[in-house]
């Protein structure tokens, strides 16, 4: 059982483990991302995040900033990494209250089947920062567009229906007059014949008499 065993010794002595973490921290500060095993990455995260917090010198005096720089240099033993940490990295992580690193697992290593991962500084991965901004913008805009688009589609579908109903309604046209205007409903030729027949018969009877 692992009772009260909070430190992963990584199969190394204390001096070897501290030297390894110091070198890994310097590489992470320089390159912003390194590829290692998951166990080493978790140990490195506990080692480097307090050092990154010490690099925040915006609210410190010059004496406190110099003291923090010396403490970090005592751990890293690399003046180039310390300079980059207190200049470039400190500017980007100034507003972040913690959680400066991200671990992304990449699968198992061939040979010993060790779990591998990337460990990187969060604020220096521009692709993931752009993706998070885009997703937030899409969710807000999509809600507004759906409400407007549904109303627009409803009006578009209603317009052809009204036009179709107008086409289906029959129109009664009267006979054209000399002026070209229509007056009253049309009367078929058969009705004209039935009306004129009795008139002709009466005229014939009157002439015969």
Protein backbone atom coordinates (compact mmCIF):
# COMPACT_ATOMS: atom_id res chain seq x y z
CA UNK A 1 0.00 0.00 0.00
CA UNK A 2 1.04 3.59 -0.71
CA UNK A 3 0.08 5.21 2.59
CA UNK A 4 1.63 8.69 3.04
CA UNK A 5 3.74 8.30 -0.11
CA UNK A 6 3.01 11.58 -1.87
CA UNK A 7 6.29 11.85 -3.78
CA UNK A 8 6.91 9.66 -6.80
CA UNK A 9 10.63 8.83 -6.63
CA UNK A 10 10.64 7.80 -10.32
CA UNK A 11 13.19 5.04 -9.59
CA UNK A 12 15.97 7.59 -8.95
CA UNK A 13 17.91 8.98 -6.04
CA UNK A 14 17.11 12.44 -4.70
CA UNK A 15 20.05 14.15 -6.41
CA UNK A 16 19.32 12.45 -9.73
CA UNK A 17 15.60 13.26 -9.51
CA UNK A 18 16.20 16.96 -8.71
CA UNK A 19 18.70 17.33 -11.54
CA UNK A 20 16.31 15.65 -13.97
CA UNK A 21 13.36 17.89 -12.96
CA UNK A 22 15.56 20.99 -13.18
CA UNK A 23 16.61 20.12 -16.73
CA UNK A 24 13.06 19.28 -17.75
CA UNK A 25 11.79 22.58 -16.30
CA UNK A 26 14.40 24.55 -18.23
CA UNK A 27 13.47 22.73 -21.44
CA UNK A 28 9.78 23.40 -20.89
CA UNK A 29 10.42 27.13 -20.36
CA UNK A 30 12.54 27.34 -23.51
CA UNK A 31 10.46 25.20 -25.86
CA UNK A 32 7.01 25.66 -24.22
CA UNK A 33 6.22 21.96 -24.81
CA UNK A 34 8.10 18.70 -24.17
CA UNK A 35 7.31 15.03 -24.78
CA UNK A 36 7.81 12.69 -21.81
CA UNK A 37 6.16 9.98 -19.72
CA UNK A 38 3.02 10.74 -17.75
CA UNK A 39 4.70 10.02 -14.39
CA UNK A 40 7.53 12.47 -15.10
CA UNK A 41 5.08 15.09 -16.39
CA UNK A 42 3.02 14.95 -13.19
CA UNK A 43 6.17 15.28 -11.09
CA UNK A 44 7.35 18.18 -13.27
CA UNK A 45 4.05 19.99 -12.89
CA UNK A 46 4.42 20.09 -9.11
CA UNK A 47 8.00 21.27 -9.51
CA UNK A 48 7.61 24.05 -12.10
CA UNK A 49 4.31 25.72 -11.19
CA UNK A 50 5.62 27.26 -7.91
CA UNK A 51 8.59 28.61 -9.89
CA UNK A 52 6.28 30.19 -12.45
CA UNK A 53 4.29 31.80 -9.64
CA UNK A 54 7.50 33.40 -8.32
CA UNK A 55 8.07 35.00 -11.72
CA UNK A 56 5.01 37.26 -11.30
CA UNK A 57 6.84 40.47 -10.36
CA UNK A 58 4.12 43.01 -11.30
CA UNK A 59 3.01 43.49 -7.68
CA UNK A 60 6.51 43.23 -6.16
CA UNK A 61 9.22 45.74 -5.40
CA UNK A 62 12.63 45.53 -7.05
CA UNK A 63 14.13 43.81 -4.00
CA UNK A 64 11.40 41.16 -3.92
CA UNK A 65 11.72 40.61 -7.66
CA UNK A 66 15.49 40.12 -7.34
CA UNK A 67 15.00 37.68 -4.47
CA UNK A 68 12.48 35.66 -6.52
CA UNK A 69 14.88 35.57 -9.45
CA UNK A 70 17.67 34.22 -7.23
CA UNK A 71 15.40 31.54 -5.74
CA UNK A 72 14.36 30.37 -9.21
CA UNK A 73 17.97 30.39 -10.43
CA UNK A 74 18.98 28.22 -7.46
CA UNK A 75 16.49 25.60 -8.69
CA UNK A 76 17.04 25.78 -12.45
CA UNK A 77 20.76 26.64 -12.63
CA UNK A 78 20.17 28.07 -16.12
CA UNK A 79 20.35 31.85 -16.59
CA UNK A 80 18.79 31.76 -20.08
CA UNK A 81 15.73 29.88 -18.79
CA UNK A 82 15.43 32.29 -15.84
CA UNK A 83 15.62 35.33 -18.13
CA UNK A 84 12.91 33.93 -20.44
CA UNK A 85 10.74 32.94 -17.49
CA UNK A 86 10.81 36.42 -15.93
CA UNK A 87 10.36 38.27 -19.24
CA UNK A 88 8.34 36.42 -21.87
CA UNK A 89 6.51 33.82 -19.78
CA UNK A 90 5.68 36.17 -16.89
CA UNK A 91 3.97 38.64 -19.25
CA UNK A 92 1.60 36.02 -20.62
CA UNK A 93 0.70 34.30 -17.36
CA UNK A 94 0.37 37.52 -15.35
CA UNK A 95 -3.44 37.34 -15.14
CA UNK A 96 -3.72 33.59 -14.67
CA UNK A 97 -4.24 32.56 -11.00
CA UNK A 98 -2.69 29.10 -11.44
CA UNK A 99 -2.77 26.04 -13.66
CA UNK A 100 0.01 27.14 -15.98
CA UNK A 101 0.64 23.71 -17.54
CA UNK A 102 -1.45 21.19 -19.45
CA UNK A 103 -0.86 17.43 -19.83
CA UNK A 104 -2.14 15.73 -23.00
CA UNK A 105 -1.81 11.94 -23.10
CA UNK A 106 -0.66 10.45 -26.40
CA UNK A 107 -0.85 6.71 -25.73
CA UNK A 108 1.61 3.97 -24.78
CA UNK A 109 5.27 3.76 -25.77
CA UNK A 110 6.40 0.80 -27.82
CA UNK A 111 8.74 -1.50 -25.94
CA UNK A 112 7.92 -0.94 -22.27
CA UNK A 113 4.27 0.22 -22.76
CA UNK A 114 4.86 3.37 -20.70
CA UNK A 115 2.13 6.00 -20.80
CA UNK A 116 3.39 8.98 -22.84
CA UNK A 117 2.15 12.57 -22.96
CA UNK A 118 2.85 16.17 -23.87
CA UNK A 119 3.26 18.76 -21.13
CA UNK A 120 2.99 22.35 -22.30
CA UNK A 121 2.44 25.89 -21.07
CA UNK A 122 -1.25 26.73 -21.45
CA UNK A 123 -0.91 30.33 -22.64
CA UNK A 124 1.52 29.48 -25.46
CA UNK A 125 -0.72 27.07 -27.37
CA UNK A 126 -2.31 29.50 -29.84
CA UNK A 127 -4.41 26.84 -31.59
CA UNK A 128 -6.31 25.82 -28.47
CA UNK A 129 -6.80 29.44 -27.43
CA UNK A 130 -8.36 30.21 -30.86
CA UNK A 131 -10.60 27.15 -30.65
CA UNK A 132 -11.99 28.17 -27.27
CA UNK A 133 -12.75 31.68 -28.53
CA UNK A 134 -14.47 30.36 -31.64
CA UNK A 135 -16.64 27.92 -29.76
CA UNK A 136 -17.88 30.62 -27.40
CA UNK A 137 -18.69 32.93 -30.31
CA UNK A 138 -20.50 30.18 -32.21
CA UNK A 139 -22.74 29.22 -29.31
CA UNK A 140 -23.85 32.81 -28.78
CA UNK A 141 -24.38 33.62 -32.44
CA UNK A 142 -26.08 30.36 -33.28
CA UNK A 143 -28.85 31.04 -30.75
CA UNK A 144 -29.55 34.44 -32.23
CA UNK A 145 -29.46 33.15 -35.78
CA UNK A 146 -31.78 30.24 -35.11
CA UNK A 147 -34.53 32.51 -33.79
CA UNK A 148 -34.20 34.85 -36.77
CA UNK A 149 -33.82 32.04 -39.28
CA UNK A 150 -36.94 30.24 -38.07
CA UNK A 151 -39.01 33.40 -38.54
CA UNK A 152 -37.51 33.94 -41.98
CA UNK A 153 -38.19 30.35 -43.06
CA UNK A 154 -41.76 30.59 -41.76
CA UNK A 155 -42.43 33.69 -43.87
CA UNK A 156 -40.80 32.08 -46.92
CA UNK A 157 -42.94 28.95 -46.62
CA UNK A 158 -46.11 30.97 -46.02
CA UNK A 159 -45.66 33.11 -49.15
CA UNK A 160 -45.86 30.24 -51.71
CA UNK A 161 -48.92 28.82 -49.93
CA UNK A 162 -50.79 32.12 -50.26
CA UNK A 163 -49.81 32.37 -53.93
CA UNK A 164 -50.99 28.80 -54.58
CA UNK A 165 -54.34 29.50 -52.91
CA UNK A 166 -54.81 32.58 -55.12
CA UNK A 167 -54.13 30.53 -58.23
CA UNK A 168 -56.62 27.82 -57.20
CA UNK A 169 -59.59 30.22 -56.68
CA UNK A 170 -61.73 30.33 -59.89
CA UNK A 171 -62.63 33.68 -61.46
CA UNK A 172 -65.95 34.28 -63.26
CA UNK A 173 -65.63 36.59 -66.23
CA UNK A 174 -68.55 38.21 -68.03
CA UNK A 175 -68.89 38.74 -71.79
CA UNK A 176 -66.87 41.54 -73.26
CA UNK A 177 -68.65 44.66 -74.42
CA UNK A 178 -67.73 46.87 -77.32
CA UNK A 179 -65.45 48.89 -75.06
CA UNK A 180 -63.66 45.74 -73.98
CA UNK A 181 -65.04 45.70 -70.42
CA UNK A 182 -66.81 42.71 -68.93
CA UNK A 183 -70.35 42.90 -67.61
CA UNK A 184 -72.14 40.09 -65.79
CA UNK A 185 -71.78 36.32 -66.18
CA UNK A 186 -71.58 34.67 -69.56
CA UNK A 187 -74.68 33.00 -71.07
CA UNK A 188 -74.06 29.93 -73.15
CA UNK A 189 -75.27 29.57 -76.78
CA UNK A 190 -77.78 26.88 -75.81
CA UNK A 191 -79.73 29.25 -73.57
CA UNK A 192 -79.80 31.83 -76.38
CA UNK A 193 -81.38 29.27 -78.73
CA UNK A 194 -83.99 28.23 -76.20
CA UNK A 195 -84.99 31.84 -75.64
CA UNK A 196 -85.19 32.80 -79.33
CA UNK A 197 -87.20 29.72 -80.46
CA UNK A 198 -90.57 30.76 -78.94
CA UNK A 199 -90.27 34.23 -80.48
CA UNK A 200 -89.89 32.82 -83.99
CA UNK A 201 -92.87 30.48 -83.52
CA UNK A 202 -95.16 33.33 -82.45
CA UNK A 203 -94.18 35.41 -85.48
CA UNK A 204 -94.98 32.51 -87.84
CA UNK A 205 -98.45 32.01 -86.32
CA UNK A 206 -99.22 35.70 -86.61
CA UNK A 207 -98.23 35.78 -90.29
CA UNK A 208 -100.35 32.72 -91.07
CA UNK A 209 -103.40 34.31 -89.53
